[in-house]
């Protein structure tokens, strides 16, 4: 094989390997996503929804440890299932939303476990109190659409959710189960492609 032919074949191989779509999931589809919670009140399971939240997300499945995640939840739009409950939970003894309107989660690390499973560790801040939490999470994708799903247990006493007579757990349990499902859309950008050398003319 002539030298210029070998160079041409090598360049084609390099170009083929470099012209790979780098995928980063960034855009949250709020309408197809939900953050919910359940808890026990006098032995009865109660359910609720966080109606408004935003997330700043950057996730590349090929580089999961480089992921960045910040979630801000508007606590004034919590839905407990009743208007009376919504008013109660916004009060000073519970979430005190006039003073602390937002809950924030910031991821510190993402550990891949295989089989589309991850451990996300980060800090959760509610009512001015911050605790480290660990969230088991799964990620599945089909083309440019991906879905994150996970859950964790929040201990309301860690964040002074329920003060005074509500600090005891005989009526409202300490454990609050948080569940989430976030649908995301990816950005795709081709990496730099090597240019093919022009064949040299034969003497």
C-alpha atoms as a PDB file:
ATOM      1  CA  UNK A   1       0.000   0.000   0.000  1.00  0.00           C
ATOM      2  CA  UNK A   2       1.355   3.400  -0.989  1.00  0.00           C
ATOM      3  CA  UNK A   3       2.201   5.872   1.834  1.00  0.00           C
ATOM      4  CA  UNK A   4      -0.594   8.291   0.914  1.00  0.00           C
ATOM      5  CA  UNK A   5      -3.101   5.410   0.860  1.00  0.00           C
ATOM      6  CA  UNK A   6      -2.098   4.289   4.334  1.00  0.00           C
ATOM      7  CA  UNK A   7      -2.480   7.862   5.573  1.00  0.00           C
ATOM      8  CA  UNK A   8      -5.929   8.077   3.994  1.00  0.00           C
ATOM      9  CA  UNK A   9      -7.130   4.852   5.641  1.00  0.00           C
ATOM     10  CA  UNK A  10      -5.743   5.916   9.032  1.00  0.00           C
ATOM     11  CA  UNK A  11      -7.421   9.297   8.776  1.00  0.00           C
ATOM     12  CA  UNK A  12     -10.772   7.721   7.932  1.00  0.00           C
ATOM     13  CA  UNK A  13     -10.479   5.497  11.001  1.00  0.00           C
ATOM     14  CA  UNK A  14      -9.629   8.471  13.213  1.00  0.00           C
ATOM     15  CA  UNK A  15     -12.486  10.504  11.783  1.00  0.00           C
ATOM     16  CA  UNK A  16     -14.925   7.679  12.377  1.00  0.00           C
ATOM     17  CA  UNK A  17     -13.886   7.376  16.000  1.00  0.00           C
ATOM     18  CA  UNK A  18     -13.901  11.138  16.606  1.00  0.00           C
ATOM     19  CA  UNK A  19     -17.208  11.914  14.945  1.00  0.00           C
ATOM     20  CA  UNK A  20     -19.139  10.720  17.995  1.00  0.00           C
ATOM     21  CA  UNK A  21     -22.153  12.484  19.394  1.00  0.00           C
ATOM     22  CA  UNK A  22     -21.394  13.820  22.882  1.00  0.00           C
ATOM     23  CA  UNK A  23     -24.676  13.665  24.796  1.00  0.00           C
ATOM     24  CA  UNK A  24     -25.455  15.845  27.797  1.00  0.00           C
ATOM     25  CA  UNK A  25     -28.893  15.794  29.407  1.00  0.00           C
ATOM     26  CA  UNK A  26     -29.792  19.284  30.571  1.00  0.00           C
ATOM     27  CA  UNK A  27     -33.368  20.339  29.834  1.00  0.00           C
ATOM     28  CA  UNK A  28     -36.008  19.351  32.379  1.00  0.00           C
ATOM     29  CA  UNK A  29     -39.464  18.652  30.959  1.00  0.00           C
ATOM     30  CA  UNK A  30     -41.571  19.883  33.894  1.00  0.00           C
ATOM     31  CA  UNK A  31     -44.889  18.727  32.445  1.00  0.00           C
ATOM     32  CA  UNK A  32     -43.593  15.145  32.322  1.00  0.00           C
ATOM     33  CA  UNK A  33     -41.935  15.282  35.756  1.00  0.00           C
ATOM     34  CA  UNK A  34     -43.086  15.178  39.377  1.00  0.00           C
ATOM     35  CA  UNK A  35     -41.756  15.473  42.931  1.00  0.00           C
ATOM     36  CA  UNK A  36     -44.086  13.961  45.523  1.00  0.00           C
ATOM     37  CA  UNK A  37     -44.063  12.928  49.185  1.00  0.00           C
ATOM     38  CA  UNK A  38     -45.836  10.552  51.549  1.00  0.00           C
ATOM     39  CA  UNK A  39     -45.956  10.381  55.349  1.00  0.00           C
ATOM     40  CA  UNK A  40     -47.912   8.791  58.170  1.00  0.00           C
ATOM     41  CA  UNK A  41     -50.458  10.827  60.141  1.00  0.00           C
ATOM     42  CA  UNK A  42     -52.117   8.908  62.963  1.00  0.00           C
ATOM     43  CA  UNK A  43     -51.192   5.709  61.165  1.00  0.00           C
ATOM     44  CA  UNK A  44     -52.771   6.775  57.882  1.00  0.00           C
ATOM     45  CA  UNK A  45     -50.643   7.300  54.763  1.00  0.00           C
ATOM     46  CA  UNK A  46     -50.961  10.853  53.439  1.00  0.00           C
ATOM     47  CA  UNK A  47     -49.757  12.045  50.041  1.00  0.00           C
ATOM     48  CA  UNK A  48     -48.702  15.379  48.646  1.00  0.00           C
ATOM     49  CA  UNK A  49     -46.971  17.123  45.745  1.00  0.00           C
ATOM     50  CA  UNK A  50     -44.419  19.880  45.332  1.00  0.00           C
ATOM     51  CA  UNK A  51     -46.126  21.959  42.665  1.00  0.00           C
ATOM     52  CA  UNK A  52     -43.306  24.272  41.606  1.00  0.00           C
ATOM     53  CA  UNK A  53     -39.593  23.529  41.368  1.00  0.00           C
ATOM     54  CA  UNK A  54     -36.668  24.133  39.045  1.00  0.00           C
ATOM     55  CA  UNK A  55     -33.516  22.118  38.410  1.00  0.00           C
ATOM     56  CA  UNK A  56     -30.129  22.956  36.958  1.00  0.00           C
ATOM     57  CA  UNK A  57     -28.843  19.677  35.565  1.00  0.00           C
ATOM     58  CA  UNK A  58     -25.874  18.535  33.498  1.00  0.00           C
ATOM     59  CA  UNK A  59     -25.485  14.793  33.051  1.00  0.00           C
ATOM     60  CA  UNK A  60     -23.394  12.844  30.571  1.00  0.00           C
ATOM     61  CA  UNK A  61     -23.933   9.049  30.901  1.00  0.00           C
ATOM     62  CA  UNK A  62     -20.348   8.512  29.737  1.00  0.00           C
ATOM     63  CA  UNK A  63     -19.025  10.787  32.502  1.00  0.00           C
ATOM     64  CA  UNK A  64     -21.501  10.420  35.382  1.00  0.00           C
ATOM     65  CA  UNK A  65     -19.061  11.484  38.087  1.00  0.00           C
ATOM     66  CA  UNK A  66     -18.862  14.927  36.438  1.00  0.00           C
ATOM     67  CA  UNK A  67     -22.627  15.473  36.777  1.00  0.00           C
ATOM     68  CA  UNK A  68     -23.960  18.704  38.253  1.00  0.00           C
ATOM     69  CA  UNK A  69     -27.380  18.867  39.916  1.00  0.00           C
ATOM     70  CA  UNK A  70     -29.141  21.650  41.818  1.00  0.00           C
ATOM     71  CA  UNK A  71     -32.849  21.530  42.617  1.00  0.00           C
ATOM     72  CA  UNK A  72     -34.833  24.422  44.138  1.00  0.00           C
ATOM     73  CA  UNK A  73     -38.339  23.684  45.433  1.00  0.00           C
ATOM     74  CA  UNK A  74     -40.869  26.473  45.998  1.00  0.00           C
ATOM     75  CA  UNK A  75     -42.356  25.430  49.344  1.00  0.00           C
ATOM     76  CA  UNK A  76     -45.189  27.973  49.087  1.00  0.00           C
ATOM     77  CA  UNK A  77     -46.720  25.770  46.378  1.00  0.00           C
ATOM     78  CA  UNK A  78     -46.811  22.536  48.327  1.00  0.00           C
ATOM     79  CA  UNK A  79     -50.051  20.607  47.886  1.00  0.00           C
ATOM     80  CA  UNK A  80     -51.074  18.396  50.804  1.00  0.00           C
ATOM     81  CA  UNK A  81     -54.429  17.529  49.260  1.00  0.00           C
ATOM     82  CA  UNK A  82     -56.496  20.129  51.123  1.00  0.00           C
ATOM     83  CA  UNK A  83     -56.537  23.923  51.439  1.00  0.00           C
ATOM     84  CA  UNK A  84     -56.510  23.648  55.234  1.00  0.00           C
ATOM     85  CA  UNK A  85     -53.461  21.408  55.151  1.00  0.00           C
ATOM     86  CA  UNK A  86     -51.656  23.749  52.757  1.00  0.00           C
ATOM     87  CA  UNK A  87     -52.229  26.693  55.099  1.00  0.00           C
ATOM     88  CA  UNK A  88     -51.112  24.678  58.133  1.00  0.00           C
ATOM     89  CA  UNK A  89     -47.903  23.370  56.600  1.00  0.00           C
ATOM     90  CA  UNK A  90     -46.874  26.876  55.468  1.00  0.00           C
ATOM     91  CA  UNK A  91     -47.011  28.146  59.054  1.00  0.00           C
ATOM     92  CA  UNK A  92     -44.103  28.883  61.371  1.00  0.00           C
ATOM     93  CA  UNK A  93     -44.299  25.562  63.206  1.00  0.00           C
ATOM     94  CA  UNK A  94     -43.937  23.593  59.987  1.00  0.00           C
ATOM     95  CA  UNK A  95     -42.170  24.985  56.885  1.00  0.00           C
ATOM     96  CA  UNK A  96     -42.428  28.701  57.732  1.00  0.00           C
ATOM     97  CA  UNK A  97     -42.517  29.592  54.047  1.00  0.00           C
ATOM     98  CA  UNK A  98     -42.654  33.404  54.528  1.00  0.00           C
ATOM     99  CA  UNK A  99     -39.159  33.221  56.054  1.00  0.00           C
ATOM    100  CA  UNK A 100     -37.830  30.134  54.246  1.00  0.00           C
ATOM    101  CA  UNK A 101     -39.625  29.982  50.881  1.00  0.00           C
ATOM    102  CA  UNK A 102     -37.240  27.553  49.170  1.00  0.00           C
ATOM    103  CA  UNK A 103     -35.751  24.130  49.799  1.00  0.00           C
ATOM    104  CA  UNK A 104     -32.507  23.410  47.950  1.00  0.00           C
ATOM    105  CA  UNK A 105     -30.629  20.239  47.059  1.00  0.00           C
ATOM    106  CA  UNK A 106     -27.083  20.418  45.682  1.00  0.00           C
ATOM    107  CA  UNK A 107     -25.359  17.236  44.530  1.00  0.00           C
ATOM    108  CA  UNK A 108     -21.793  16.721  45.690  1.00  0.00           C
ATOM    109  CA  UNK A 109     -21.063  13.402  44.012  1.00  0.00           C
ATOM    110  CA  UNK A 110     -22.625  10.874  41.644  1.00  0.00           C
ATOM    111  CA  UNK A 111     -21.430   7.285  41.898  1.00  0.00           C
ATOM    112  CA  UNK A 112     -22.327   4.812  39.115  1.00  0.00           C
ATOM    113  CA  UNK A 113     -23.333   1.378  40.401  1.00  0.00           C
ATOM    114  CA  UNK A 114     -23.994  -0.312  37.058  1.00  0.00           C
ATOM    115  CA  UNK A 115     -27.268  -1.449  35.521  1.00  0.00           C
ATOM    116  CA  UNK A 116     -28.465   2.191  35.170  1.00  0.00           C
ATOM    117  CA  UNK A 117     -28.249   2.729  38.939  1.00  0.00           C
ATOM    118  CA  UNK A 118     -26.474   5.585  40.725  1.00  0.00           C
ATOM    119  CA  UNK A 119     -25.903   6.904  44.218  1.00  0.00           C
ATOM    120  CA  UNK A 120     -26.291  10.667  44.419  1.00  0.00           C
ATOM    121  CA  UNK A 121     -24.887  12.326  47.549  1.00  0.00           C
ATOM    122  CA  UNK A 122     -25.543  15.950  48.334  1.00  0.00           C
ATOM    123  CA  UNK A 123     -26.766  18.590  50.758  1.00  0.00           C
ATOM    124  CA  UNK A 124     -30.424  19.386  51.434  1.00  0.00           C
ATOM    125  CA  UNK A 125     -31.342  22.731  53.006  1.00  0.00           C
ATOM    126  CA  UNK A 126     -34.778  23.398  54.539  1.00  0.00           C
ATOM    127  CA  UNK A 127     -35.653  26.157  57.035  1.00  0.00           C
ATOM    128  CA  UNK A 128     -32.040  27.262  57.131  1.00  0.00           C
ATOM    129  CA  UNK A 129     -30.817  23.822  58.216  1.00  0.00           C
ATOM    130  CA  UNK A 130     -28.573  21.684  56.013  1.00  0.00           C
ATOM    131  CA  UNK A 131     -28.141  17.920  56.115  1.00  0.00           C
ATOM    132  CA  UNK A 132     -26.230  15.527  53.864  1.00  0.00           C
ATOM    133  CA  UNK A 133     -28.437  12.924  52.194  1.00  0.00           C
ATOM    134  CA  UNK A 134     -27.886   9.927  49.927  1.00  0.00           C
ATOM    135  CA  UNK A 135     -30.350   9.299  47.087  1.00  0.00           C
ATOM    136  CA  UNK A 136     -30.601   5.984  45.196  1.00  0.00           C
ATOM    137  CA  UNK A 137     -31.328   6.989  41.597  1.00  0.00           C
ATOM    138  CA  UNK A 138     -31.899   5.298  38.255  1.00  0.00           C
ATOM    139  CA  UNK A 139     -31.440   6.790  34.805  1.00  0.00           C
ATOM    140  CA  UNK A 140     -32.919   5.372  31.617  1.00  0.00           C
ATOM    141  CA  UNK A 141     -32.825   6.884  28.155  1.00  0.00           C
ATOM    142  CA  UNK A 142     -34.237   6.432  24.685  1.00  0.00           C
ATOM    143  CA  UNK A 143     -32.538   8.686  22.190  1.00  0.00           C
ATOM    144  CA  UNK A 144     -32.522  12.282  23.395  1.00  0.00           C
ATOM    145  CA  UNK A 145     -35.065  11.642  26.153  1.00  0.00           C
ATOM    146  CA  UNK A 146     -33.943  10.464  29.580  1.00  0.00           C
ATOM    147  CA  UNK A 147     -35.711   9.784  32.863  1.00  0.00           C
ATOM    148  CA  UNK A 148     -34.279  10.090  36.353  1.00  0.00           C
ATOM    149  CA  UNK A 149     -36.211   8.363  39.134  1.00  0.00           C
ATOM    150  CA  UNK A 150     -35.422   7.967  42.803  1.00  0.00           C
ATOM    151  CA  UNK A 151     -36.499   8.318  46.384  1.00  0.00           C
ATOM    152  CA  UNK A 152     -35.136   9.081  49.835  1.00  0.00           C
ATOM    153  CA  UNK A 153     -36.329   9.463  53.413  1.00  0.00           C
ATOM    154  CA  UNK A 154     -36.372  12.906  54.993  1.00  0.00           C
ATOM    155  CA  UNK A 155     -36.449  13.106  58.802  1.00  0.00           C
ATOM    156  CA  UNK A 156     -38.516  16.152  59.594  1.00  0.00           C
ATOM    157  CA  UNK A 157     -36.879  16.613  63.003  1.00  0.00           C
ATOM    158  CA  UNK A 158     -33.545  17.278  61.242  1.00  0.00           C
ATOM    159  CA  UNK A 159     -35.058  20.391  59.697  1.00  0.00           C
ATOM    160  CA  UNK A 160     -37.399  21.508  62.514  1.00  0.00           C
ATOM    161  CA  UNK A 161     -40.434  20.668  60.377  1.00  0.00           C
ATOM    162  CA  UNK A 162     -43.069  20.510  63.089  1.00  0.00           C
ATOM    163  CA  UNK A 163     -42.084  22.559  66.152  1.00  0.00           C
ATOM    164  CA  UNK A 164     -43.672  22.967  69.575  1.00  0.00           C
ATOM    165  CA  UNK A 165     -46.516  20.489  70.117  1.00  0.00           C
ATOM    166  CA  UNK A 166     -45.852  18.983  66.677  1.00  0.00           C
ATOM    167  CA  UNK A 167     -42.267  18.007  67.493  1.00  0.00           C
ATOM    168  CA  UNK A 168     -43.431  14.644  68.858  1.00  0.00           C
ATOM    169  CA  UNK A 169     -44.051  11.817  66.417  1.00  0.00           C
ATOM    170  CA  UNK A 170     -47.235  10.399  67.915  1.00  0.00           C
ATOM    171  CA  UNK A 171     -49.507  12.221  65.449  1.00  0.00           C
ATOM    172  CA  UNK A 172     -47.232  12.921  62.462  1.00  0.00           C
ATOM    173  CA  UNK A 173     -44.370  10.486  61.880  1.00  0.00           C
ATOM    174  CA  UNK A 174     -40.779  11.661  61.667  1.00  0.00           C
ATOM    175  CA  UNK A 175     -40.117   9.972  58.319  1.00  0.00           C
ATOM    176  CA  UNK A 176     -41.243  11.664  55.108  1.00  0.00           C
ATOM    177  CA  UNK A 177     -40.738   9.706  51.902  1.00  0.00           C
ATOM    178  CA  UNK A 178     -39.729  11.860  48.919  1.00  0.00           C
ATOM    179  CA  UNK A 179     -40.165  10.438  45.410  1.00  0.00           C
ATOM    180  CA  UNK A 180     -39.198  12.043  42.123  1.00  0.00           C
ATOM    181  CA  UNK A 181     -39.364  11.366  38.419  1.00  0.00           C
ATOM    182  CA  UNK A 182     -37.646  13.857  36.121  1.00  0.00           C
ATOM    183  CA  UNK A 183     -37.870  13.699  32.355  1.00  0.00           C
ATOM    184  CA  UNK A 184     -34.966  15.421  30.610  1.00  0.00           C
ATOM    185  CA  UNK A 185     -33.967  16.256  27.058  1.00  0.00           C
ATOM    186  CA  UNK A 186     -30.395  16.043  25.786  1.00  0.00           C
ATOM    187  CA  UNK A 187     -28.137  18.370  23.901  1.00  0.00           C
ATOM    188  CA  UNK A 188     -25.995  16.657  21.274  1.00  0.00           C
ATOM    189  CA  UNK A 189     -22.867  18.092  19.706  1.00  0.00           C
ATOM    190  CA  UNK A 190     -20.410  16.334  17.402  1.00  0.00           C
ATOM    191  CA  UNK A 191     -16.827  16.429  18.548  1.00  0.00           C
ATOM    192  CA  UNK A 192     -14.068  17.722  16.274  1.00  0.00           C
ATOM    193  CA  UNK A 193     -13.642  15.580  13.172  1.00  0.00           C
ATOM    194  CA  UNK A 194     -10.204  15.019  11.691  1.00  0.00           C
ATOM    195  CA  UNK A 195      -9.777  16.361   8.165  1.00  0.00           C
ATOM    196  CA  UNK A 196      -8.728  13.866   5.493  1.00  0.00           C
ATOM    197  CA  UNK A 197      -5.465  14.588   3.696  1.00  0.00           C
ATOM    198  CA  UNK A 198      -5.614  15.037  -0.023  1.00  0.00           C
ATOM    199  CA  UNK A 199      -4.028  12.181  -2.032  1.00  0.00           C
ATOM    200  CA  UNK A 200      -0.733  13.121  -3.529  1.00  0.00           C
ATOM    201  CA  UNK A 201      -0.418  12.852  -7.282  1.00  0.00           C
ATOM    202  CA  UNK A 202       1.845  10.181  -8.672  1.00  0.00           C
ATOM    203  CA  UNK A 203       5.123  11.397 -10.239  1.00  0.00           C
END
